[in-house]
Amino acid sequence: MKSEKTSTKPSYSLAELCVFSDLPPRTVRYYVQIGLVDRPEGETRAARYGPRHLEQLLLIKKWTAAGVSLERIRELLRGEQAPIPPRPRAVGSVEVCSHLTVADGIEVVIEPGRAGLSPEQVRGLVKGIMGVFAQVSGGVRLERDKSNN
């Protein structure tokens, strides 16, 4: 009697993999073709995919939904550190901004959360901007109203 080798790892057909990953077969084949997803075991209709393939597809799907490019995804799948994608602005979202009036006609808008700046860094930035403006303007008084009083 011949004993058949049974694998303990699950394997999926392309159709099953597409259902689990919620991606069309054409997309899965494209990702395999460009090397984002490992090649399956076997060829054509007999090809089998495993848990690793499903994991790769789910990661790719998550990162593309966050706006990460396929080239960057390739780097991430090779083990580079994942970026923290910026959160897209949604209608009705609230964001705190700092408006720095440098002089009449010169205003700088700072969004510390999006820029990744701490309060100390924002203060340093403001001080630096004001210092550069003082150098560039040759010490011209920043507030015209004081000269009119």
Protein backbone atom coordinates (compact mmCIF):
# COMPACT_ATOMS: atom_id res chain seq x y z
CA MET A 1 0.00 0.00 0.00
CA LYS A 2 1.32 3.40 -0.98
CA SER A 3 1.12 6.17 1.64
CA GLU A 4 0.51 9.68 0.43
CA LYS A 5 2.40 12.60 1.85
CA THR A 6 -0.01 14.99 3.61
CA SER A 7 0.97 18.56 4.35
CA THR A 8 -0.05 20.17 7.63
CA LYS A 9 0.16 23.63 6.09
CA PRO A 10 -2.98 24.81 4.32
CA SER A 11 -2.71 25.44 0.61
CA TYR A 12 -5.08 27.39 -1.58
CA SER A 13 -5.94 27.59 -5.23
CA LEU A 14 -5.79 31.01 -6.87
CA ALA A 15 -9.58 31.32 -6.57
CA GLU A 16 -9.51 30.52 -2.83
CA LEU A 17 -6.61 32.92 -2.25
CA CYS A 18 -8.54 35.67 -4.03
CA VAL A 19 -11.58 35.10 -1.80
CA PHE A 20 -9.47 35.21 1.37
CA SER A 21 -7.55 38.32 0.32
CA ASP A 22 -10.49 40.04 -1.38
CA LEU A 23 -8.36 40.74 -4.45
CA PRO A 24 -9.04 39.86 -8.11
CA PRO A 25 -6.97 37.08 -9.72
CA ARG A 26 -5.42 39.53 -12.18
CA THR A 27 -4.05 41.64 -9.28
CA VAL A 28 -2.62 38.58 -7.51
CA ARG A 29 -0.95 37.41 -10.74
CA TYR A 30 0.46 40.91 -11.28
CA TYR A 31 1.93 41.02 -7.77
CA VAL A 32 3.55 37.62 -8.38
CA GLN A 33 4.84 38.78 -11.79
CA ILE A 34 6.53 41.89 -10.37
CA GLY A 35 7.94 39.99 -7.41
CA LEU A 36 5.88 41.44 -4.55
CA VAL A 37 4.38 38.03 -3.81
CA ASP A 38 6.38 34.77 -3.82
CA ARG A 39 5.79 32.44 -6.75
CA PRO A 40 3.28 29.66 -6.02
CA GLU A 41 4.13 26.00 -5.92
CA GLY A 42 3.29 24.50 -9.27
CA GLU A 43 2.24 26.16 -12.51
CA THR A 44 -0.96 27.26 -14.24
CA ARG A 45 -4.21 25.92 -12.76
CA ALA A 46 -2.37 23.47 -10.49
CA ALA A 47 -0.54 26.29 -8.70
CA ARG A 48 -0.97 26.28 -4.92
CA TYR A 49 -0.57 29.16 -2.53
CA GLY A 50 0.12 28.99 1.19
CA PRO A 51 -0.30 31.12 4.31
CA ARG A 52 2.82 33.15 3.42
CA HIS A 53 1.21 34.23 0.12
CA LEU A 54 -1.96 35.28 1.92
CA GLU A 55 0.06 37.24 4.49
CA GLN A 56 1.96 39.05 1.73
CA LEU A 57 -1.26 39.96 -0.09
CA LEU A 58 -2.92 41.27 3.06
CA LEU A 59 0.10 43.45 3.85
CA ILE A 60 0.19 44.78 0.29
CA LYS A 61 -3.52 45.51 0.44
CA LYS A 62 -3.17 47.37 3.77
CA TRP A 63 -0.23 49.45 2.56
CA THR A 64 -1.75 50.34 -0.81
CA ALA A 65 -4.93 51.45 0.98
CA ALA A 66 -2.72 53.75 3.08
CA GLY A 67 -1.22 55.26 -0.08
CA VAL A 68 2.16 53.50 -0.04
CA SER A 69 3.70 52.98 -3.49
CA LEU A 70 4.36 49.48 -4.83
CA GLU A 71 8.10 50.26 -4.93
CA ARG A 72 8.07 51.18 -1.23
CA ILE A 73 5.98 48.07 -0.49
CA ARG A 74 8.70 45.99 -2.17
CA GLU A 75 11.24 47.54 0.24
CA LEU A 76 8.97 46.90 3.24
CA LEU A 77 8.48 43.26 2.30
CA ARG A 78 12.26 42.92 2.23
CA GLY A 79 12.34 43.96 5.88
CA GLU A 80 12.81 47.73 5.90
CA GLN A 81 10.99 49.63 8.62
CA ALA A 82 7.41 50.57 7.82
CA PRO A 83 6.61 54.25 7.50
CA ILE A 84 3.81 55.88 9.37
CA PRO A 85 1.67 57.15 6.55
CA PRO A 86 0.13 60.56 7.05
CA ARG A 87 -3.52 60.45 7.91
CA PRO A 88 -5.54 61.89 5.03
CA ARG A 89 -7.63 64.95 5.78
CA ALA A 90 -11.29 64.07 6.04
CA VAL A 91 -14.23 66.39 5.68
CA GLY A 92 -15.12 67.65 9.14
CA SER A 93 -11.77 66.77 10.68
CA VAL A 94 -10.23 69.20 13.16
CA GLU A 95 -6.57 70.11 13.08
CA VAL A 96 -4.73 72.54 15.35
CA CYS A 97 -2.42 74.97 13.53
CA SER A 98 -0.13 77.75 14.66
CA HIS A 99 -0.11 80.95 12.62
CA LEU A 100 3.08 82.97 12.92
CA THR A 101 2.84 86.52 11.64
CA VAL A 102 6.39 87.47 10.79
CA ALA A 103 5.56 90.86 9.28
CA ASP A 104 2.77 92.48 7.32
CA GLY A 105 2.26 90.12 4.38
CA ILE A 106 4.35 87.29 5.79
CA GLU A 107 2.58 84.53 7.65
CA VAL A 108 3.75 80.99 8.37
CA VAL A 109 1.28 78.20 9.11
CA ILE A 110 2.67 75.37 11.21
CA GLU A 111 0.78 72.13 11.67
CA PRO A 112 2.84 70.43 14.41
CA GLY A 113 0.99 67.11 14.26
CA ARG A 114 1.51 66.64 10.54
CA ALA A 115 5.06 68.00 10.71
CA GLY A 116 5.91 65.73 13.65
CA LEU A 117 7.13 68.64 15.77
CA SER A 118 7.08 68.83 19.54
CA PRO A 119 6.10 72.11 21.26
CA GLU A 120 9.79 72.78 21.97
CA GLN A 121 10.63 72.27 18.31
CA VAL A 122 7.83 74.63 17.25
CA ARG A 123 9.20 77.31 19.59
CA GLY A 124 12.68 76.80 18.16
CA LEU A 125 11.34 77.04 14.62
CA VAL A 126 9.50 80.29 15.41
CA LYS A 127 12.60 81.78 17.03
CA GLY A 128 14.71 80.76 14.04
CA ILE A 129 12.25 82.20 11.50
CA MET A 130 12.07 85.49 13.37
CA GLY A 131 15.87 85.64 13.60
CA VAL A 132 16.32 84.99 9.88
CA PHE A 133 13.71 87.64 9.03
CA ALA A 134 15.50 90.18 11.24
CA GLN A 135 18.75 89.46 9.37
CA VAL A 136 17.14 89.62 5.94
CA SER A 137 15.17 92.78 6.63
CA GLY A 138 18.21 94.55 8.05
CA GLY A 139 16.64 95.17 11.44
CA VAL A 140 13.58 96.96 10.06
CA ARG A 141 10.91 97.26 12.70
CA LEU A 142 8.44 94.42 12.37
CA GLU A 143 5.39 96.31 13.58
CA ARG A 144 4.43 99.45 11.69
CA ASP A 145 1.73 100.37 14.19
CA LYS A 146 4.31 101.21 16.89
CA SER A 147 5.89 103.85 14.65
CA ASN A 148 2.51 105.55 14.15
CA ASN A 149 1.92 105.98 17.92
